[in-house]
Amino acid sequence: MPGLFIDVKVADDVRKDAALAAKLEEVCPVSIFRATDDGVEILEANLDECVLCDLCLEAAPDGKVQVIKLYES
């Protein structure tokens, strides 16, 4: 379920990548991502804390993480 203002999607083909999960958890300043044994978990309670820093987008392969602004048409 998305937040009020932001949703984050991780592509299915990299969602179980443990190295990517650890990197996303490390770079996100507001703890949207958690690295688990199963890969990337998105902490939905933190979605609206996103500061749009794009660190997750830079850490992931192109197009594999999306930050979707729900307040733009």
N, C-alpha and C. Protein backbone atom coordinates (compact mmCIF):
# COMPACT_ATOMS: atom_id res chain seq x y z
N MET A 1 0.84 -1.18 0.00
CA MET A 1 0.00 0.00 0.00
C MET A 1 0.89 1.24 0.00
N PRO A 2 0.63 2.19 -0.86
CA PRO A 2 1.45 3.40 -0.92
C PRO A 2 1.16 4.32 0.25
N GLY A 3 2.08 5.27 0.45
CA GLY A 3 1.85 6.32 1.42
C GLY A 3 0.86 7.33 0.84
N LEU A 4 0.67 8.42 1.53
CA LEU A 4 -0.23 9.46 1.02
C LEU A 4 0.38 10.22 -0.14
N PHE A 5 1.70 10.42 -0.10
CA PHE A 5 2.36 11.26 -1.08
C PHE A 5 3.32 10.51 -2.00
N ILE A 6 3.86 9.40 -1.51
CA ILE A 6 4.92 8.69 -2.21
C ILE A 6 4.62 7.19 -2.23
N ASP A 7 4.99 6.55 -3.32
CA ASP A 7 5.04 5.09 -3.37
C ASP A 7 6.42 4.73 -3.92
N VAL A 8 6.93 3.60 -3.51
CA VAL A 8 8.24 3.12 -3.98
C VAL A 8 8.04 1.71 -4.51
N LYS A 9 8.58 1.47 -5.67
CA LYS A 9 8.51 0.14 -6.29
C LYS A 9 9.92 -0.35 -6.57
N VAL A 10 10.14 -1.64 -6.31
CA VAL A 10 11.40 -2.30 -6.65
C VAL A 10 11.04 -3.40 -7.65
N ALA A 11 11.73 -3.43 -8.77
CA ALA A 11 11.44 -4.40 -9.83
C ALA A 11 11.55 -5.82 -9.30
N ASP A 12 10.64 -6.66 -9.73
CA ASP A 12 10.61 -8.06 -9.28
C ASP A 12 11.92 -8.79 -9.52
N ASP A 13 12.60 -8.48 -10.64
CA ASP A 13 13.81 -9.22 -10.98
C ASP A 13 15.01 -8.87 -10.09
N VAL A 14 14.92 -7.82 -9.27
CA VAL A 14 16.01 -7.50 -8.34
C VAL A 14 15.55 -7.47 -6.88
N ARG A 15 14.29 -7.68 -6.65
CA ARG A 15 13.73 -7.62 -5.28
C ARG A 15 14.41 -8.60 -4.33
N LYS A 16 14.87 -9.73 -4.81
CA LYS A 16 15.49 -10.75 -3.95
C LYS A 16 17.02 -10.65 -3.92
N ASP A 17 17.58 -9.60 -4.48
CA ASP A 17 19.02 -9.40 -4.51
C ASP A 17 19.49 -8.88 -3.15
N ALA A 18 20.20 -9.73 -2.40
CA ALA A 18 20.64 -9.38 -1.04
C ALA A 18 21.60 -8.20 -1.03
N ALA A 19 22.49 -8.13 -2.01
CA ALA A 19 23.45 -7.03 -2.07
C ALA A 19 22.75 -5.70 -2.33
N LEU A 20 21.79 -5.71 -3.23
CA LEU A 20 21.03 -4.49 -3.51
C LEU A 20 20.20 -4.10 -2.29
N ALA A 21 19.60 -5.07 -1.63
CA ALA A 21 18.81 -4.78 -0.43
C ALA A 21 19.66 -4.09 0.62
N ALA A 22 20.87 -4.60 0.85
CA ALA A 22 21.77 -4.00 1.84
C ALA A 22 22.16 -2.58 1.43
N LYS A 23 22.40 -2.38 0.15
CA LYS A 23 22.80 -1.06 -0.33
C LYS A 23 21.65 -0.06 -0.16
N LEU A 24 20.44 -0.47 -0.50
CA LEU A 24 19.29 0.43 -0.36
C LEU A 24 19.04 0.78 1.11
N GLU A 25 19.16 -0.20 1.97
CA GLU A 25 18.99 0.06 3.40
C GLU A 25 20.05 1.05 3.90
N GLU A 26 21.26 0.90 3.41
CA GLU A 26 22.36 1.77 3.83
C GLU A 26 22.19 3.21 3.36
N VAL A 27 21.77 3.42 2.13
CA VAL A 27 21.75 4.78 1.58
C VAL A 27 20.50 5.58 1.93
N CYS A 28 19.41 4.94 2.28
CA CYS A 28 18.17 5.67 2.52
C CYS A 28 18.21 6.38 3.88
N PRO A 29 18.14 7.72 3.87
CA PRO A 29 18.22 8.46 5.13
C PRO A 29 16.96 8.37 5.99
N VAL A 30 15.87 7.85 5.45
CA VAL A 30 14.62 7.78 6.21
C VAL A 30 14.11 6.35 6.38
N SER A 31 14.97 5.38 6.16
CA SER A 31 14.69 3.96 6.44
C SER A 31 13.44 3.43 5.75
N ILE A 32 13.35 3.66 4.45
CA ILE A 32 12.25 3.10 3.67
C ILE A 32 12.52 1.64 3.33
N PHE A 33 13.79 1.28 3.22
CA PHE A 33 14.17 -0.08 2.80
C PHE A 33 14.76 -0.85 3.98
N ARG A 34 14.46 -2.15 4.02
CA ARG A 34 15.07 -3.05 4.99
C ARG A 34 15.61 -4.25 4.22
N ALA A 35 16.84 -4.62 4.52
CA ALA A 35 17.43 -5.82 3.93
C ALA A 35 17.03 -7.01 4.79
N THR A 36 16.45 -8.02 4.14
CA THR A 36 16.05 -9.24 4.85
C THR A 36 16.67 -10.44 4.14
N ASP A 37 16.47 -11.60 4.72
CA ASP A 37 16.95 -12.83 4.08
C ASP A 37 16.27 -13.06 2.73
N ASP A 38 15.10 -12.46 2.55
CA ASP A 38 14.34 -12.61 1.31
C ASP A 38 14.60 -11.49 0.31
N GLY A 39 15.46 -10.52 0.67
CA GLY A 39 15.76 -9.41 -0.23
C GLY A 39 15.29 -8.09 0.33
N VAL A 40 14.75 -7.25 -0.54
CA VAL A 40 14.35 -5.89 -0.16
C VAL A 40 12.93 -5.90 0.40
N GLU A 41 12.78 -5.30 1.57
CA GLU A 41 11.45 -5.06 2.13
C GLU A 41 11.25 -3.54 2.15
N ILE A 42 10.09 -3.09 1.74
CA ILE A 42 9.76 -1.67 1.78
C ILE A 42 8.93 -1.43 3.04
N LEU A 43 9.41 -0.52 3.87
CA LEU A 43 8.72 -0.18 5.11
C LEU A 43 7.69 0.90 4.82
N GLU A 44 6.47 0.46 4.58
CA GLU A 44 5.41 1.36 4.11
C GLU A 44 5.13 2.49 5.09
N ALA A 45 5.31 2.26 6.37
CA ALA A 45 5.06 3.30 7.37
C ALA A 45 6.00 4.49 7.19
N ASN A 46 7.13 4.29 6.52
CA ASN A 46 8.11 5.35 6.34
C ASN A 46 8.04 6.03 4.97
N LEU A 47 7.15 5.59 4.10
CA LEU A 47 7.12 6.11 2.74
C LEU A 47 6.98 7.63 2.67
N ASP A 48 6.10 8.19 3.48
CA ASP A 48 5.88 9.63 3.39
C ASP A 48 6.99 10.44 4.05
N GLU A 49 8.00 9.77 4.59
CA GLU A 49 9.18 10.46 5.12
C GLU A 49 10.19 10.72 4.00
N CYS A 50 9.96 10.17 2.83
CA CYS A 50 10.89 10.32 1.70
C CYS A 50 11.19 11.79 1.43
N VAL A 51 12.47 12.10 1.30
CA VAL A 51 12.90 13.48 1.04
C VAL A 51 13.31 13.67 -0.42
N LEU A 52 13.01 12.68 -1.25
CA LEU A 52 13.28 12.75 -2.69
C LEU A 52 14.76 13.01 -2.98
N CYS A 53 15.63 12.37 -2.22
CA CYS A 53 17.07 12.57 -2.39
C CYS A 53 17.65 11.80 -3.57
N ASP A 54 16.92 10.81 -4.07
CA ASP A 54 17.32 9.98 -5.21
C ASP A 54 18.50 9.05 -4.93
N LEU A 55 18.92 8.91 -3.66
CA LEU A 55 20.02 8.01 -3.35
C LEU A 55 19.68 6.56 -3.68
N CYS A 56 18.43 6.17 -3.49
CA CYS A 56 18.02 4.80 -3.83
C CYS A 56 18.07 4.59 -5.34
N LEU A 57 17.69 5.62 -6.10
CA LEU A 57 17.73 5.51 -7.56
C LEU A 57 19.16 5.39 -8.06
N GLU A 58 20.07 6.09 -7.42
CA GLU A 58 21.48 6.03 -7.80
C GLU A 58 22.12 4.70 -7.38
N ALA A 59 21.64 4.10 -6.29
CA ALA A 59 22.22 2.86 -5.78
C ALA A 59 21.77 1.64 -6.58
N ALA A 60 20.63 1.74 -7.21
CA ALA A 60 20.06 0.60 -7.93
C ALA A 60 20.38 0.68 -9.43
N PRO A 61 20.34 -0.45 -10.10
CA PRO A 61 20.47 -0.42 -11.56
C PRO A 61 19.35 0.44 -12.16
N ASP A 62 19.63 1.05 -13.29
CA ASP A 62 18.66 1.95 -13.92
C ASP A 62 17.28 1.33 -14.06
N GLY A 63 16.29 2.06 -13.56
CA GLY A 63 14.91 1.65 -13.71
C GLY A 63 14.42 0.58 -12.76
N LYS A 64 15.27 0.09 -11.88
CA LYS A 64 14.88 -1.01 -10.99
C LYS A 64 14.20 -0.54 -9.71
N VAL A 65 14.41 0.71 -9.32
CA VAL A 65 13.70 1.31 -8.20
C VAL A 65 13.00 2.55 -8.74
N GLN A 66 11.74 2.69 -8.38
CA GLN A 66 10.95 3.85 -8.80
C GLN A 66 10.40 4.54 -7.56
N VAL A 67 10.51 5.84 -7.53
CA VAL A 67 9.85 6.67 -6.52
C VAL A 67 8.72 7.39 -7.24
N ILE A 68 7.51 7.08 -6.85
CA ILE A 68 6.34 7.59 -7.54
C ILE A 68 5.68 8.66 -6.67
N LYS A 69 5.61 9.86 -7.19
CA LYS A 69 4.97 10.98 -6.50
C LYS A 69 3.47 10.90 -6.75
N LEU A 70 2.71 10.63 -5.74
CA LEU A 70 1.28 10.44 -5.90
C LEU A 70 0.50 11.75 -5.98
N TYR A 71 1.18 12.85 -5.74
CA TYR A 71 0.52 14.14 -5.76
C TYR A 71 0.69 14.86 -7.09
N GLU A 72 1.37 14.27 -8.04
CA GLU A 72 1.51 14.85 -9.38
C GLU A 72 0.63 14.09 -10.35
N SER A 73 0.08 14.80 -11.31
CA SER A 73 -0.76 14.12 -12.31
C SER A 73 0.08 13.57 -13.42
